[in-house]
Protein backbone atom coordinates (compact mmCIF):
# COMPACT_ATOMS: atom_id res chain seq x y z
CA MET A 1 89.37 105.94 119.70
CA ARG A 2 92.92 107.26 120.06
CA ASN A 3 94.12 103.85 121.23
CA GLU A 4 92.47 102.23 118.20
CA ARG A 5 94.24 104.67 115.86
CA ARG A 6 97.57 104.02 117.55
CA THR A 7 97.03 100.28 117.21
CA LEU A 8 96.27 100.63 113.49
CA ALA A 9 99.25 102.91 112.94
CA GLY A 10 101.55 100.40 114.63
CA SER A 11 100.09 97.29 112.96
CA PRO A 12 101.61 95.59 109.91
CA LEU A 13 98.55 96.65 107.88
CA SER A 14 99.22 100.35 108.56
CA ILE A 15 101.43 100.43 105.46
CA LEU A 16 98.25 100.17 103.35
CA ARG A 17 97.41 103.72 104.44
CA ASP A 18 100.20 104.90 102.12
CA SER A 19 98.31 105.68 98.89
CA GLY A 20 101.31 104.88 96.67
CA PHE A 21 101.91 101.50 98.30
CA LEU A 22 98.17 100.77 98.20
CA ARG A 23 97.95 101.40 94.45
CA VAL A 24 100.99 99.28 93.60
CA TRP A 25 99.70 96.53 95.90
CA ALA A 26 96.25 96.65 94.24
CA ILE A 27 97.83 96.35 90.80
CA GLY A 28 99.57 93.17 91.94
CA LEU A 29 96.29 91.83 93.34
CA LEU A 30 94.46 92.34 90.04
CA GLY A 31 97.27 91.31 87.72
CA ASN A 32 98.24 88.11 89.52
CA THR A 33 94.64 87.00 89.93
CA MET A 34 94.21 87.22 86.16
CA ARG A 35 97.50 85.45 85.57
CA TRP A 36 96.34 82.37 87.49
CA LEU A 37 92.81 82.57 86.07
CA GLU A 38 94.15 82.48 82.52
CA LEU A 39 96.63 79.67 83.18
CA LEU A 40 93.98 77.41 84.70
CA ALA A 41 91.33 78.08 82.06
CA ILE A 42 93.80 77.66 79.19
CA GLY A 43 95.22 74.49 80.76
CA ILE A 44 91.79 72.86 80.99
CA TYR A 45 90.91 73.92 77.43
CA VAL A 46 94.15 72.63 75.93
CA PHE A 47 93.96 69.28 77.73
CA GLU A 48 90.31 68.78 76.77
CA THR A 49 91.08 69.72 73.16
CA THR A 50 94.34 67.81 72.63
CA GLY A 51 94.70 65.33 75.52
CA SER A 52 98.41 66.23 75.67
CA ALA A 53 100.09 66.96 79.01
CA LEU A 54 103.07 68.33 77.09
CA LEU A 55 100.95 70.97 75.33
CA VAL A 56 99.48 71.99 78.68
CA ALA A 57 103.05 72.49 79.92
CA VAL A 58 103.87 74.47 76.76
CA MET A 59 101.26 77.06 77.76
CA THR A 60 103.02 77.63 81.07
CA ILE A 61 106.36 77.69 79.25
CA ALA A 62 105.07 80.47 76.99
CA ARG A 63 104.09 82.45 80.09
CA GLN A 64 107.43 81.95 81.86
CA ALA A 65 109.92 82.15 78.99
CA PRO A 66 109.90 85.98 78.72
CA LEU A 67 111.31 86.22 82.24
CA ALA A 68 114.49 84.47 81.13
CA LEU A 69 114.58 86.14 77.71
CA PHE A 70 113.87 89.74 78.70
CA GLY A 71 114.11 89.97 82.51
CA THR A 72 117.64 91.37 82.64
CA PHE A 73 117.00 93.90 79.86
CA ILE A 74 113.82 95.14 81.54
CA GLY A 75 115.59 95.51 84.89
CA THR A 76 118.47 97.57 83.57
CA TYR A 77 116.12 99.75 81.51
CA ALA A 78 113.73 100.20 84.45
CA GLU A 79 116.47 101.84 86.53
CA ARG A 80 116.33 104.90 84.25
CA ALA A 81 112.79 104.74 82.83
CA ASN A 82 109.65 105.92 84.61
CA ARG A 83 108.35 102.74 86.27
CA LYS A 84 104.81 104.11 86.49
CA TYR A 85 104.45 104.36 82.70
CA LEU A 86 106.23 101.05 82.13
CA LEU A 87 103.72 99.36 84.40
CA ALA A 88 100.70 101.04 82.79
CA SER A 89 101.95 100.19 79.28
CA GLY A 90 102.28 96.53 80.19
CA PHE A 91 98.68 96.32 81.39
CA VAL A 92 97.39 98.11 78.29
CA VAL A 93 99.12 95.51 76.11
CA MET A 94 97.67 92.67 78.23
CA THR A 95 94.21 94.21 77.88
CA MET A 96 94.50 94.07 74.09
CA SER A 97 96.04 90.59 74.11
CA SER A 98 93.40 89.02 76.38
CA GLY A 99 90.64 90.83 74.51
CA THR A 100 91.89 89.47 71.19
CA MET A 101 92.08 85.90 72.50
CA GLY A 102 88.58 86.26 73.95
CA LEU A 103 87.26 87.42 70.57
CA LEU A 104 88.90 84.47 68.78
CA ALA A 105 87.40 82.06 71.32
CA THR A 106 83.95 83.65 70.94
CA LEU A 107 84.11 83.27 67.15
CA GLY A 108 85.20 79.65 67.56
CA VAL A 109 88.41 80.11 65.59
CA ALA A 110 90.96 80.01 68.43
CA GLU A 111 93.88 77.69 67.62
CA ILE A 112 96.57 76.40 69.95
CA TRP A 113 99.16 78.66 68.32
CA HIS A 114 96.92 81.68 68.96
CA LEU A 115 96.91 80.81 72.65
CA VAL A 116 100.68 80.27 72.75
CA LEU A 117 101.27 83.67 71.15
CA GLY A 118 98.80 85.45 73.43
CA VAL A 119 100.19 83.82 76.56
CA PHE A 120 103.74 84.75 75.47
CA VAL A 121 102.70 88.41 75.05
CA ASN A 122 101.06 88.46 78.48
CA GLY A 123 104.09 86.71 79.95
CA THR A 124 106.36 89.39 78.50
CA CYS A 125 104.30 92.05 80.25
CA TRP A 126 104.27 90.00 83.46
CA ALA A 127 108.08 90.11 83.35
CA LEU A 128 107.67 93.73 84.53
CA ASP A 129 106.47 92.54 87.94
CA PHE A 130 109.80 91.98 89.70
CA PRO A 131 112.01 94.77 88.30
CA VAL A 132 109.18 97.33 88.07
CA ARG A 133 106.15 96.71 90.29
CA ARG A 134 107.94 95.07 93.21
CA THR A 135 110.78 97.56 93.10
CA LEU A 136 108.17 100.34 93.25
CA LEU A 137 106.61 98.53 96.18
CA GLY A 138 109.96 98.58 97.95
CA ASP A 139 110.40 102.29 97.18
CA PHE A 140 107.06 103.15 98.80
CA ALA A 141 107.66 100.84 101.78
CA GLY A 142 111.15 102.12 102.59
CA PRO A 143 113.92 100.06 104.25
CA GLU A 144 112.29 100.05 107.70
CA ARG A 145 109.01 98.55 106.39
CA LEU A 146 110.41 96.32 103.66
CA GLY A 147 109.74 92.99 105.37
CA GLN A 148 106.28 94.15 106.40
CA GLY A 149 105.42 95.39 102.92
CA PHE A 150 106.57 92.27 101.10
CA SER A 151 104.88 89.98 103.62
CA ILE A 152 101.57 91.71 102.84
CA ASP A 153 102.27 91.55 99.10
CA SER A 154 103.20 87.87 99.42
CA ALA A 155 99.99 87.16 101.34
CA THR A 156 98.08 88.90 98.57
CA ASN A 157 99.90 87.00 95.82
CA ASN A 158 99.06 83.77 97.59
CA ALA A 159 95.43 84.84 97.82
CA THR A 160 95.49 85.31 94.04
CA ARG A 161 96.83 81.76 93.68
CA MET A 162 93.67 80.73 95.49
CA ALA A 163 91.13 83.09 93.91
CA GLY A 164 92.49 83.07 90.34
CA PRO A 165 92.40 79.32 89.62
CA PHE A 166 89.06 78.85 91.39
CA ALA A 167 87.50 81.72 89.44
CA GLY A 168 89.08 80.38 86.26
CA GLY A 169 87.57 76.94 86.80
CA VAL A 170 84.12 78.32 87.62
CA ILE A 171 84.07 80.80 84.72
CA TYR A 172 85.37 78.18 82.28
CA GLY A 173 82.69 75.74 83.42
CA LEU A 174 79.90 78.32 83.10
CA ILE A 175 80.90 80.45 80.10
CA GLY A 176 83.90 78.82 78.48
CA LEU A 177 87.33 80.10 77.51
CA GLN A 178 85.93 83.32 76.06
CA GLY A 179 84.46 84.26 79.44
CA ALA A 180 87.82 83.86 81.16
CA PHE A 181 89.51 86.13 78.62
CA ALA A 182 86.74 88.73 78.84
CA VAL A 183 87.12 89.00 82.61
CA SER A 184 90.91 89.16 82.19
CA ALA A 185 90.77 91.98 79.62
CA VAL A 186 88.49 94.15 81.78
CA THR A 187 90.61 93.57 84.89
CA HIS A 188 93.88 94.37 83.11
CA PHE A 189 92.36 97.63 81.86
CA LEU A 190 91.41 98.55 85.44
CA ALA A 191 94.99 97.81 86.57
CA ALA A 192 96.33 100.13 83.83
CA VAL A 193 94.08 102.94 85.07
CA ILE A 194 95.32 102.45 88.64
CA ALA A 195 98.94 102.47 87.44
CA LEU A 196 98.43 105.83 85.74
CA SER A 197 97.05 107.26 89.01
CA ILE A 198 100.24 106.50 90.96
CA VAL A 199 101.94 109.66 92.24
CA PHE A 200 105.61 108.86 91.80
CA ARG A 201 108.48 111.31 91.39
CA HIS A 202 110.82 109.85 88.83
CA SER A 203 114.36 111.15 89.31
CA ARG A 204 116.85 110.88 86.49
CA ALA A 205 120.47 110.29 87.40
CA ALA A 206 122.68 113.25 86.75
CA ALA A 207 125.59 111.12 85.62
CA ALA A 208 125.91 109.88 82.05
CA PRO A 209 124.17 106.56 81.49
CA GLU A 210 126.39 103.49 81.82
CA PRO A 211 126.42 101.05 78.91
CA PHE A 212 123.97 98.19 79.32
CA ILE A 213 126.65 95.49 79.42
CA ALA A 214 128.60 97.41 82.08
CA ARG A 215 125.52 97.69 84.27
CA LEU A 216 124.80 94.00 83.84
CA ARG A 217 128.38 93.06 84.74
CA GLU A 218 128.22 95.24 87.83
CA GLY A 219 125.05 93.47 88.95
CA LEU A 220 126.65 90.05 88.47
CA ALA A 221 129.74 91.22 90.36
CA ILE A 222 127.57 92.21 93.33
CA VAL A 223 126.06 88.73 93.38
CA ARG A 224 129.46 87.00 93.14
CA ARG A 225 130.64 88.88 96.24
CA SER A 226 127.67 87.70 98.32
CA PRO A 227 127.26 84.00 99.22
CA GLU A 228 123.80 84.83 100.58
CA LEU A 229 122.66 86.21 97.21
CA ILE A 230 124.18 83.26 95.36
CA GLY A 231 122.30 80.87 97.64
CA ILE A 232 119.01 82.75 97.23
CA TYR A 233 119.27 82.69 93.44
CA PHE A 234 120.17 78.98 93.39
CA VAL A 235 117.22 78.07 95.60
CA THR A 236 114.96 80.12 93.32
CA ILE A 237 116.24 78.27 90.25
CA ILE A 238 115.73 74.89 91.92
CA LEU A 239 112.15 75.67 92.93
CA ASN A 240 111.29 76.96 89.47
CA VAL A 241 112.85 74.03 87.62
CA PHE A 242 111.82 71.17 89.91
CA GLY A 243 108.95 72.51 92.03
CA PHE A 244 106.60 75.06 90.50
CA PRO A 245 106.17 73.25 87.15
CA TYR A 246 103.75 70.98 89.02
CA THR A 247 101.08 73.67 88.46
CA ALA A 248 100.98 72.76 84.76
CA MET A 249 99.97 69.21 85.73
CA VAL A 250 97.03 70.21 87.93
CA PRO A 251 94.52 70.26 85.03
CA VAL A 252 95.90 66.87 83.94
CA LEU A 253 95.59 65.36 87.43
CA GLY A 254 92.15 66.85 87.97
CA ARG A 255 90.60 65.77 84.68
CA ALA A 256 92.46 62.50 83.95
CA ARG A 257 93.33 61.03 87.36
CA TYR A 258 90.63 62.35 89.71
CA GLU A 259 88.00 62.90 86.98
CA VAL A 260 86.48 66.03 88.54
CA GLU A 261 84.66 68.98 86.96
CA PRO A 262 86.46 72.24 85.95
CA ALA A 263 85.35 74.06 89.11
CA LEU A 264 86.92 71.33 91.28
CA VAL A 265 90.08 71.42 89.15
CA GLY A 266 90.20 75.12 89.98
CA LEU A 267 89.71 74.32 93.68
CA LEU A 268 92.58 71.83 93.56
CA SER A 269 94.83 74.43 91.97
CA ALA A 270 93.68 76.99 94.53
CA SER A 271 94.54 74.76 97.51
CA GLU A 272 98.21 75.66 97.59
CA GLY A 273 97.30 79.34 97.38
CA ALA A 274 94.90 78.96 100.30
CA GLY A 275 97.59 77.41 102.49
CA ALA A 276 100.10 80.02 101.39
CA PHE A 277 97.65 82.82 102.15
CA VAL A 278 97.19 81.61 105.73
CA GLY A 279 100.94 81.16 106.13
CA ALA A 280 101.71 84.61 104.76
CA LEU A 281 99.25 86.22 107.18
CA ILE A 282 101.02 84.50 110.07
CA ILE A 283 104.39 85.69 108.74
CA THR A 284 103.11 89.26 108.41
CA PHE A 285 102.23 89.49 112.09
CA VAL A 286 104.82 87.18 113.69
CA VAL A 287 108.07 86.98 111.69
CA ARG A 288 111.28 88.68 112.86
CA SER A 289 114.09 89.82 110.59
CA SER A 290 116.47 87.27 112.13
CA TRP A 291 114.27 84.49 110.74
CA PHE A 292 114.25 85.66 107.12
CA LYS A 293 116.89 83.30 105.63
CA ARG A 294 115.73 80.20 107.50
CA LEU A 295 112.11 80.92 106.63
CA TYR A 296 113.07 81.20 102.96
CA LEU A 297 114.97 77.90 102.95
CA TYR A 298 112.56 75.91 105.11
CA GLY A 299 109.61 77.20 103.10
CA ALA A 300 111.24 76.03 99.86
CA THR A 301 111.88 72.60 101.39
CA VAL A 302 108.30 72.16 102.63
CA LEU A 303 106.93 73.15 99.22
CA MET A 304 109.18 70.66 97.44
CA ILE A 305 108.16 67.87 99.83
CA GLY A 306 104.54 68.75 99.11
CA VAL A 307 105.05 68.38 95.35
CA PHE A 308 106.76 65.02 95.94
CA SER A 309 103.84 63.86 98.11
CA LEU A 310 101.30 64.99 95.50
CA ALA A 311 102.72 62.38 93.14
CA PHE A 312 101.41 59.66 95.46
CA ALA A 313 98.03 61.19 96.39
CA PRO A 314 95.46 58.43 95.70
CA ASN A 315 92.37 60.64 95.62
CA TYR A 316 91.18 64.21 95.20
CA GLY A 317 90.69 64.96 98.91
CA ILE A 318 94.21 63.92 99.88
CA ALA A 319 95.64 65.92 96.96
CA VAL A 320 93.84 69.04 98.21
CA SER A 321 95.17 68.48 101.75
CA ILE A 322 98.74 68.03 100.52
CA LEU A 323 98.64 71.24 98.53
CA LEU A 324 97.19 73.14 101.50
CA LEU A 325 100.22 72.10 103.57
CA ALA A 326 102.62 72.78 100.69
CA GLY A 327 101.18 76.29 100.58
CA LEU A 328 102.50 76.97 104.07
CA GLY A 329 105.99 76.41 102.68
CA MET A 330 105.23 78.62 99.70
CA ALA A 331 104.34 81.41 102.14
CA GLY A 332 107.82 81.46 103.66
CA PHE A 333 109.60 81.13 100.34
CA GLY A 334 107.50 83.75 98.57
CA ALA A 335 107.52 86.36 101.34
CA MET A 336 111.28 86.25 101.83
CA GLN A 337 112.44 85.97 98.21
CA SER A 338 112.15 89.63 97.18
CA THR A 339 112.67 90.87 100.75
CA LEU A 340 116.11 89.28 101.10
CA ILE A 341 117.31 90.48 97.71
CA LEU A 342 116.22 94.08 98.29
CA LEU A 343 117.77 94.06 101.77
CA LEU A 344 121.08 92.69 100.48
CA ALA A 345 121.21 94.82 97.30
CA PRO A 346 122.79 98.29 97.15
CA PRO A 347 120.00 100.87 96.57
CA ASN A 348 121.30 101.79 93.10
CA ALA A 349 121.33 98.15 91.96
CA ARG A 350 117.95 96.94 93.20
CA SER A 351 116.28 96.79 89.78
CA ARG A 352 119.26 94.92 88.37
CA LEU A 353 119.22 92.29 91.10
CA MET A 354 115.44 91.98 90.91
CA SER A 355 115.75 91.48 87.16
CA LEU A 356 118.27 88.69 87.82
CA LEU A 357 115.63 87.16 90.06
CA SER A 358 113.25 87.32 87.10
CA VAL A 359 115.80 85.45 85.00
CA CYS A 360 116.09 82.75 87.68
CA ILE A 361 112.31 82.41 87.76
CA GLY A 362 112.40 82.32 83.97
CA CYS A 363 114.33 79.03 84.17
CA ALA A 364 110.95 77.34 84.76
CA PRO A 365 110.52 76.37 81.07
CA ILE A 366 113.42 73.93 81.48
CA GLY A 367 111.50 72.11 84.18
CA LEU A 368 108.19 72.43 82.34
CA ILE A 369 109.55 70.81 79.17
CA ASN A 370 111.14 68.03 81.22
CA LEU A 371 107.97 67.45 83.26
CA GLY A 372 105.71 67.59 80.20
CA LEU A 373 107.79 65.03 78.29
CA LEU A 374 107.97 62.71 81.31
CA ALA A 375 104.22 63.07 81.89
CA ASP A 376 103.42 62.12 78.28
CA TRP A 377 105.76 59.13 78.61
CA LEU A 378 105.20 57.87 82.18
CA GLY A 379 102.11 59.73 83.36
CA ALA A 380 101.81 62.90 85.45
CA PRO A 381 102.15 61.27 88.94
CA VAL A 382 105.38 59.41 88.11
CA ALA A 383 106.80 62.49 86.41
CA LEU A 384 106.07 64.63 89.48
CA GLY A 385 107.76 62.09 91.76
CA ILE A 386 110.94 61.96 89.67
CA VAL A 387 111.29 65.71 89.16
CA SER A 388 110.56 66.70 92.77
CA SER A 389 112.97 64.11 94.20
CA ILE A 390 115.75 65.59 92.08
CA GLY A 391 114.78 69.02 93.40
CA LEU A 392 115.09 67.87 97.02
CA VAL A 393 118.59 66.54 96.32
CA CYS A 394 119.58 69.85 94.72
CA LEU A 395 118.26 71.82 97.72
CA ALA A 396 120.31 69.68 100.09
CA THR A 397 123.39 70.28 97.94
CA VAL A 398 122.96 74.08 98.10
CA VAL A 399 122.62 73.98 101.89
CA ILE A 400 125.82 71.95 102.20
CA LEU A 401 127.88 74.05 99.77
CA ILE A 402 126.50 77.48 100.78
CA PRO A 403 125.71 77.29 104.52
CA GLN A 404 125.20 81.10 104.68
CA VAL A 405 121.79 80.64 103.05
CA ARG A 406 120.36 79.19 106.26
CA ARG A 407 122.08 81.44 108.84
């Protein structure tokens, strides 16, 4: 029995015995599952209603845009505000937003603009994830368990990319859009309750608050002095402009190209998450700190190659297989993204640098608009091939110009 306890205490999963870490981790599990559930269900509904790939992309744009618009402001504010209450407030707002959209869908009066507005509100609250929830996660993990903690969180996030879309497809097929929003509202409320139960000592800085612009400039100055940080941010921008927008085309591919039912569209969307979940579990138990940068870069490359290959997938089964393999790359990219930034950031600037990461992720609407327009013009497969090939060229350029990103 003693040996079993020692093994558990020394295992990567031992960090889950920390009640603070466990609560913050559970909030991410619930919140991200609902994020993917909503995106998939809304995507199917919009494509079935309008037949427009561009409008499907607009829904994802509405979810991502707040990261670019508000990410930096949230990060600088979060350094002095109580993160616990910020997190809880965000989930309360999402509960009301999803509940309202569910009610509109139940009454049969939901319009596209209602969905855009609701998704934008939920996306604004989701912008709290990097500068608030993940920074809290790093606080509870501590420097010595940072890689371990974020590997577990990444594995969990990838599991939500698997569970959320699949559940969204099944619920949409059985109950409709209103069912997806009802489940989302209840789950967001549960996440808010968990957030309020976090025991977190918020310490206010004794010094006078710095002006917002000064704090932002200081954060940018830290990045300029670090080629590694510059490379990490550039790779993040490339993936979010040329890689991740593919998710908006999954409902289009599933319904128009492969002609499968909503549940199978959800399974297709979940395939990348399944591969990423397996990859993240391997990383959690095997990865060494000396591999972090290479794992981040190679993971991004594998994911981009997967998106490029998806453009040429002739049938549903091959598309699922491609996304499973692409998920292995997502595991490396996702696990190391926040880990590297928090390791390279000074402790007093972590929220600022994490908020800059949010802004980089918030560049996705640029790629989504581009992909949506190309898909309406040339079709989703051709659009994916063009956009992902540009992304691969951009990745190669970053590696050549900033070699520190792979060392």
